[in-house]
Amino acid sequence: MQFDTLDLTVEENGIATLQLTNDPVNAISQRMRHELAKALETLREDRIRVVIVTGTEDVFSVGADVSLFEEAQEWTSAEFRTNSRVLGRVFDGLEGMEKPVLAAINGTCVGGGLELALACDVRLAAPDATLGFPEHNIGLIPGLGGCSRFVHLVGPGQAKDMIFSKELVDGERADVIGLVERVEDDPEAAARAYAESLLDRPPQALGLTKRVVNAARDTDTRSAGLLESLAQSTLLETDDHREGITAFREKRDPEFTGE
């Protein structure tokens, strides 16, 4: 599938790389929104085991171009929400799919670009990457996860402080406050090595881990614990679980198939 603002590659081993290529700053234009939605359909396919989302060497994404908000001034509130849902469903889709999604962050990652990264499971950032939410510059708030997802990572005080102040932080500081999980000199290479290591893991266990952890974040402990128990009872019936037990007894590496 060919795109104008993206490059999507799927390798035989099941690693998919979704690269933002909307020069010069990977602005999330209307075209990119719709192309991301189309790309999501491919990323959901069972043949894909791990997803890497990345930008270019100098910029992950600056988020929406200001011109889009100028255009949006002509929209009704209902039209704005309809357009926002296109991107919101992409973010929800990345967060909800039962496979790991890694964000490799170089350069500038702000606004909607950072909200895209927040929808991923693990963020790997360069030490000198730039992350933050400057939406107050145009009288808005981060409206597609920059408030709702952000608070779960850094806590309400830190989230409000960064959004109020429009502070931009580098990768090192982002790591300290919990905004990213890893700081790497070459985030894309590190994400690839991470993705390759996950190919040896049982796919269903990875997917259900993601679902249960997200549920634990979003609901009460009792409900999340019930889901956790149900997920475990499902995994107990898989071929991968039986293979793991057999491999342990035979003192060899397991060969998981996703069954």
Protein backbone atom coordinates (compact mmCIF):
# COMPACT_ATOMS: atom_id res chain seq x y z
CA MET A 1 0.00 0.00 0.00
CA GLN A 2 1.39 3.39 -1.04
CA PHE A 3 1.03 6.54 1.06
CA ASP A 4 1.98 10.18 0.58
CA THR A 5 2.76 11.00 4.22
CA LEU A 6 3.78 7.60 5.58
CA ASP A 7 6.03 4.67 4.81
CA LEU A 8 4.74 1.31 6.02
CA THR A 9 6.98 -1.75 5.74
CA VAL A 10 6.16 -5.25 6.91
CA GLU A 11 8.97 -7.78 7.21
CA GLU A 12 8.61 -11.54 6.88
CA ASN A 13 9.46 -11.95 10.57
CA GLY A 14 6.35 -9.98 11.55
CA ILE A 15 7.90 -6.62 12.45
CA ALA A 16 6.07 -3.66 10.92
CA THR A 17 7.62 -0.18 10.80
CA LEU A 18 5.33 2.82 10.38
CA GLN A 19 7.43 5.86 9.54
CA LEU A 20 6.02 9.38 9.34
CA THR A 21 7.40 10.99 6.17
CA ASN A 22 5.41 14.21 5.79
CA ASP A 23 8.28 16.61 5.09
CA PRO A 24 9.58 18.80 6.52
CA VAL A 25 8.25 18.38 10.08
CA ASN A 26 5.87 15.40 9.89
CA ALA A 27 2.84 17.57 10.57
CA ILE A 28 -0.32 15.52 11.10
CA SER A 29 -2.33 16.87 8.19
CA GLN A 30 -5.80 15.76 7.14
CA ARG A 31 -4.18 13.47 4.57
CA MET A 32 -1.93 11.91 7.20
CA ARG A 33 -4.91 11.37 9.50
CA HIS A 34 -6.71 9.34 6.86
CA GLU A 35 -3.55 7.53 5.81
CA LEU A 36 -2.86 6.57 9.41
CA ALA A 37 -6.38 5.13 9.56
CA LYS A 38 -5.69 3.04 6.46
CA ALA A 39 -2.32 1.91 7.79
CA LEU A 40 -3.99 0.81 11.02
CA GLU A 41 -6.01 -1.74 9.05
CA THR A 42 -2.77 -3.40 7.94
CA LEU A 43 -1.18 -3.19 11.39
CA ARG A 44 -4.10 -5.16 12.83
CA GLU A 45 -3.36 -8.16 10.62
CA ASP A 46 -2.33 -11.34 12.43
CA ARG A 47 0.89 -11.67 10.42
CA ILE A 48 2.25 -8.60 12.22
CA ARG A 49 3.75 -9.38 15.62
CA VAL A 50 5.33 -6.07 16.68
CA VAL A 51 4.89 -2.48 15.45
CA ILE A 52 7.51 0.28 15.46
CA VAL A 53 6.30 3.87 14.98
CA THR A 54 8.98 6.40 14.10
CA GLY A 55 9.66 9.65 12.30
CA THR A 56 12.81 10.96 10.66
CA GLU A 57 16.24 11.65 12.09
CA ASP A 58 15.34 15.21 13.08
CA VAL A 59 11.65 15.08 13.91
CA PHE A 60 9.16 12.52 15.10
CA SER A 61 6.18 14.86 14.58
CA VAL A 62 5.21 18.42 15.45
CA GLY A 63 1.55 17.43 15.60
CA ALA A 64 -1.16 19.25 13.69
CA ASP A 65 -0.13 22.13 11.45
CA VAL A 66 -1.49 25.51 12.55
CA SER A 67 -3.13 25.82 9.12
CA LEU A 68 -5.38 22.91 10.06
CA PHE A 69 -6.71 24.86 13.02
CA GLU A 70 -7.23 27.87 10.77
CA GLU A 71 -9.30 25.65 8.49
CA ALA A 72 -11.13 24.27 11.52
CA GLN A 73 -12.41 27.75 12.38
CA GLU A 74 -14.88 27.26 9.55
CA TRP A 75 -16.11 23.95 10.97
CA THR A 76 -19.02 23.48 13.34
CA SER A 77 -18.30 21.80 16.68
CA ALA A 78 -19.82 18.61 15.28
CA GLU A 79 -17.56 18.74 12.22
CA PHE A 80 -14.52 19.28 14.42
CA ARG A 81 -15.39 16.26 16.55
CA THR A 82 -15.96 14.14 13.44
CA ASN A 83 -12.51 15.04 12.09
CA SER A 84 -10.90 14.50 15.48
CA ARG A 85 -12.41 11.04 15.72
CA VAL A 86 -10.42 9.94 12.66
CA LEU A 87 -7.14 10.45 14.52
CA GLY A 88 -8.58 9.45 17.88
CA ARG A 89 -9.56 6.06 16.49
CA VAL A 90 -6.03 5.57 15.21
CA PHE A 91 -4.60 6.27 18.65
CA ASP A 92 -7.20 4.03 20.31
CA GLY A 93 -6.46 1.33 17.73
CA LEU A 94 -2.73 1.37 18.44
CA GLU A 95 -3.38 1.27 22.16
CA GLY A 96 -5.97 -1.50 21.91
CA MET A 97 -4.40 -3.93 19.43
CA GLU A 98 -3.11 -7.10 21.06
CA LYS A 99 0.51 -6.67 20.01
CA PRO A 100 3.37 -4.47 21.26
CA VAL A 101 3.68 -1.02 19.69
CA LEU A 102 7.01 0.77 20.18
CA ALA A 103 7.63 4.47 19.54
CA ALA A 104 11.18 5.40 18.44
CA ILE A 105 11.53 9.13 19.07
CA ASN A 106 14.20 11.33 17.51
CA GLY A 107 14.12 15.11 17.45
CA THR A 108 10.91 17.05 18.00
CA CYS A 109 7.90 15.18 19.36
CA VAL A 110 5.27 17.65 20.48
CA GLY A 111 1.51 18.21 20.44
CA GLY A 112 -0.29 15.57 18.42
CA GLY A 113 3.03 13.90 17.68
CA LEU A 114 3.54 13.25 21.37
CA GLU A 115 -0.07 12.10 21.65
CA LEU A 116 0.71 9.53 18.95
CA ALA A 117 3.70 8.35 20.99
CA LEU A 118 1.52 8.18 24.12
CA ALA A 119 -0.78 5.73 22.32
CA CYS A 120 2.18 3.36 21.92
CA ASP A 121 3.14 0.85 24.60
CA VAL A 122 6.82 1.68 25.06
CA ARG A 123 8.58 4.92 24.15
CA LEU A 124 12.31 4.96 23.34
CA ALA A 125 13.71 8.48 23.00
CA ALA A 126 17.02 10.01 22.04
CA PRO A 127 18.74 11.95 24.86
CA ASP A 128 18.31 15.21 22.93
CA ALA A 129 14.75 14.58 21.74
CA THR A 130 12.28 17.39 22.49
CA LEU A 131 8.92 16.48 23.99
CA GLY A 132 6.01 18.52 25.27
CA PHE A 133 2.65 20.14 24.72
CA PRO A 134 2.68 23.73 23.38
CA GLU A 135 -1.09 23.83 22.66
CA HIS A 136 -1.64 26.79 24.99
CA ASN A 137 0.25 28.87 22.40
CA ILE A 138 -2.90 28.79 20.27
CA GLY A 139 -5.43 28.74 23.10
CA LEU A 140 -6.10 25.00 23.07
CA ILE A 141 -5.34 21.95 25.16
CA PRO A 142 -3.81 18.61 24.15
CA GLY A 143 -7.09 17.08 23.05
CA LEU A 144 -6.37 13.51 21.90
CA GLY A 145 -4.63 11.91 24.85
CA GLY A 146 -2.32 14.71 25.92
CA CYS A 147 -4.41 15.17 29.04
CA SER A 148 -6.08 11.79 29.48
CA ARG A 149 -3.19 9.42 28.66
CA PHE A 150 -0.44 11.75 29.84
CA VAL A 151 -1.72 11.90 33.41
CA HIS A 152 -1.43 8.12 33.81
CA LEU A 153 2.27 8.26 32.95
CA VAL A 154 3.48 11.27 34.89
CA GLY A 155 0.75 11.98 37.46
CA PRO A 156 -1.70 14.91 37.64
CA GLY A 157 0.70 17.48 39.06
CA GLN A 158 3.43 16.91 36.49
CA ALA A 159 0.89 16.72 33.66
CA LYS A 160 -0.72 20.02 34.61
CA ASP A 161 2.64 21.68 35.16
CA MET A 162 3.95 20.73 31.72
CA ILE A 163 0.76 21.74 29.94
CA PHE A 164 0.35 24.99 31.92
CA SER A 165 3.97 26.03 31.41
CA LYS A 166 4.36 24.66 27.86
CA GLU A 167 7.70 23.27 29.06
CA LEU A 168 9.56 21.16 26.53
CA VAL A 169 11.78 18.46 27.99
CA ASP A 170 14.61 16.43 26.51
CA GLY A 171 14.76 12.65 26.48
CA GLU A 172 16.74 12.47 29.71
CA ARG A 173 14.20 14.55 31.62
CA ALA A 174 11.32 12.67 29.98
CA ASP A 175 12.80 9.46 31.36
CA VAL A 176 13.02 10.89 34.88
CA ILE A 177 9.35 11.92 34.96
CA GLY A 178 8.10 8.69 33.37
CA LEU A 179 7.12 10.08 29.98
CA VAL A 180 9.42 7.63 28.16
CA GLU A 181 10.59 4.18 29.19
CA ARG A 182 14.05 4.12 27.64
CA VAL A 183 16.67 6.65 26.51
CA GLU A 184 18.76 5.44 23.58
CA ASP A 185 21.37 7.12 21.39
CA ASP A 186 19.74 5.47 18.38
CA PRO A 187 16.06 4.96 19.25
CA GLU A 188 15.13 3.29 15.97
CA ALA A 189 17.94 0.72 16.19
CA ALA A 190 17.09 0.11 19.84
CA ALA A 191 13.40 -0.29 18.99
CA ARG A 192 14.29 -2.81 16.27
CA ALA A 193 16.43 -4.83 18.70
CA TYR A 194 13.58 -4.68 21.23
CA ALA A 195 11.07 -5.78 18.59
CA GLU A 196 13.27 -8.68 17.50
CA SER A 197 13.57 -9.85 21.11
CA LEU A 198 9.78 -9.89 21.38
CA LEU A 199 9.49 -12.27 18.43
CA ASP A 200 10.66 -15.03 20.79
CA ARG A 201 7.80 -14.32 23.22
CA PRO A 202 4.36 -16.00 23.13
CA PRO A 203 2.15 -13.63 21.06
CA GLN A 204 -1.08 -14.24 22.97
CA ALA A 205 0.63 -13.67 26.31
CA LEU A 206 2.09 -10.39 25.02
CA GLY A 207 -1.28 -9.25 23.73
CA LEU A 208 -3.17 -10.14 26.88
CA THR A 209 -0.49 -8.56 29.07
CA LYS A 210 -1.12 -5.33 27.19
CA ARG A 211 -4.90 -5.60 27.59
CA VAL A 212 -4.74 -6.39 31.30
CA VAL A 213 -2.21 -3.65 32.14
CA ASN A 214 -4.27 -1.08 30.22
CA ALA A 215 -7.40 -2.24 32.04
CA ALA A 216 -5.63 -1.96 35.39
CA ARG A 217 -4.72 1.61 34.48
CA ASP A 218 -8.26 2.52 33.49
CA THR A 219 -10.43 0.74 36.04
CA ASP A 220 -10.58 -0.39 39.65
CA THR A 221 -8.27 -3.05 41.02
CA ARG A 222 -11.01 -5.63 41.53
CA SER A 223 -12.25 -5.43 37.91
CA ALA A 224 -8.71 -5.47 36.54
CA GLY A 225 -7.88 -8.46 38.71
CA LEU A 226 -10.86 -10.36 37.31
CA LEU A 227 -9.69 -9.65 33.77
CA GLU A 228 -6.19 -10.72 34.77
CA SER A 229 -7.49 -14.05 36.04
CA LEU A 230 -9.61 -14.63 32.93
CA ALA A 231 -6.63 -13.86 30.69
CA GLN A 232 -4.48 -16.32 32.60
CA SER A 233 -7.13 -19.04 32.34
CA THR A 234 -7.22 -18.48 28.57
CA LEU A 235 -3.45 -18.72 28.24
CA LEU A 236 -3.38 -21.95 30.23
CA GLU A 237 -5.22 -23.61 27.33
CA THR A 238 -2.81 -22.45 24.59
CA ASP A 239 -0.28 -24.54 22.71
CA ASP A 240 2.34 -21.90 23.54
CA HIS A 241 1.86 -22.53 27.27
CA ARG A 242 2.29 -26.26 26.77
CA GLU A 243 5.36 -25.62 24.61
CA GLY A 244 6.83 -23.39 27.30
CA ILE A 245 6.43 -26.10 29.94
CA THR A 246 7.89 -28.76 27.65
CA ALA A 247 10.85 -26.57 26.67
CA PHE A 248 11.55 -25.83 30.33
CA ARG A 249 11.60 -29.52 31.17
CA GLU A 250 13.79 -30.29 28.16
CA LYS A 251 16.16 -27.40 28.98
CA ARG A 252 15.80 -25.74 25.58
CA ASP A 253 14.43 -22.47 24.20
CA PRO A 254 10.68 -22.57 23.52
CA GLU A 255 9.37 -22.15 19.99
CA PHE A 256 6.16 -20.16 20.28
CA THR A 257 3.66 -20.07 17.40
CA GLY A 258 0.84 -17.90 18.72
CA GLU A 259 -1.50 -20.88 18.98
